[in-house]
Amino acid sequence: MPWYIWSLITAVFATVISSLLLLRDTADKMPIDPEKLERMQQRNAELAAKERAGNSDL
């Protein structure tokens, strides 16, 4: 392949990798209020208990 094709391929890979790294560095964790987190965990536990109770009927 000619040299300019190799340079184009290199430029494309560099662009994709740099974009992914930039996205990773700028991503922030979403803060969740401890009270809401506790309610979510309780709800998940209730749903898991309902699923286990429903599966035992089979």
Protein backbone atom coordinates (compact mmCIF):
# COMPACT_ATOMS: atom_id res chain seq x y z
CA MET A 1 0.00 0.00 0.00
CA PRO A 2 1.17 3.54 -0.62
CA TRP A 3 2.52 5.63 2.26
CA TYR A 4 -0.45 8.01 2.29
CA ILE A 5 -2.90 5.17 2.92
CA TRP A 6 -0.85 4.10 5.95
CA SER A 7 -0.79 7.67 7.22
CA LEU A 8 -4.56 7.95 6.73
CA ILE A 9 -5.14 4.70 8.66
CA THR A 10 -2.85 5.94 11.44
CA ALA A 11 -4.70 9.27 11.60
CA VAL A 12 -8.08 7.53 11.83
CA PHE A 13 -6.93 5.24 14.65
CA ALA A 14 -5.33 8.15 16.50
CA THR A 15 -8.55 10.16 16.21
CA VAL A 16 -10.71 7.32 17.52
CA ILE A 17 -8.38 6.51 20.41
CA SER A 18 -7.97 10.15 21.42
CA SER A 19 -11.75 10.65 21.32
CA LEU A 20 -12.29 7.63 23.57
CA LEU A 21 -9.64 8.81 26.02
CA LEU A 22 -11.16 12.29 26.11
CA LEU A 23 -14.60 10.83 26.74
CA ARG A 24 -13.24 8.70 29.59
CA ASP A 25 -11.48 11.66 31.20
CA THR A 26 -14.48 13.99 31.02
CA ALA A 27 -17.06 11.48 32.25
CA ASP A 28 -18.27 12.28 35.75
CA LYS A 29 -19.87 9.91 38.16
CA MET A 30 -23.48 10.70 38.83
CA PRO A 31 -23.87 11.50 42.52
CA ILE A 32 -26.83 9.78 44.13
CA ASP A 33 -28.34 10.97 47.38
CA PRO A 34 -27.74 8.34 50.11
CA GLU A 35 -31.46 8.34 50.93
CA LYS A 36 -32.40 7.59 47.31
CA LEU A 37 -29.70 4.92 47.12
CA GLU A 38 -31.14 3.21 50.20
CA ARG A 39 -34.65 3.27 48.71
CA MET A 40 -33.31 1.80 45.46
CA GLN A 41 -31.57 -1.00 47.33
CA GLN A 42 -34.72 -1.77 49.34
CA ARG A 43 -36.82 -1.86 46.18
CA ASN A 44 -34.32 -4.17 44.47
CA ALA A 45 -34.37 -6.48 47.49
CA GLU A 46 -38.19 -6.55 47.41
CA LEU A 47 -38.23 -7.37 43.70
CA ALA A 48 -35.64 -10.12 44.18
CA ALA A 49 -37.73 -11.62 46.98
CA LYS A 50 -40.85 -11.53 44.78
CA GLU A 51 -38.98 -13.23 41.94
CA ARG A 52 -37.69 -15.96 44.24
CA ALA A 53 -41.19 -16.52 45.62
CA GLY A 54 -42.63 -16.63 42.12
CA ASN A 55 -40.02 -19.11 40.86
CA SER A 56 -40.66 -21.56 43.70
CA ASP A 57 -44.24 -22.04 42.45
CA LEU A 58 -42.99 -23.71 39.28
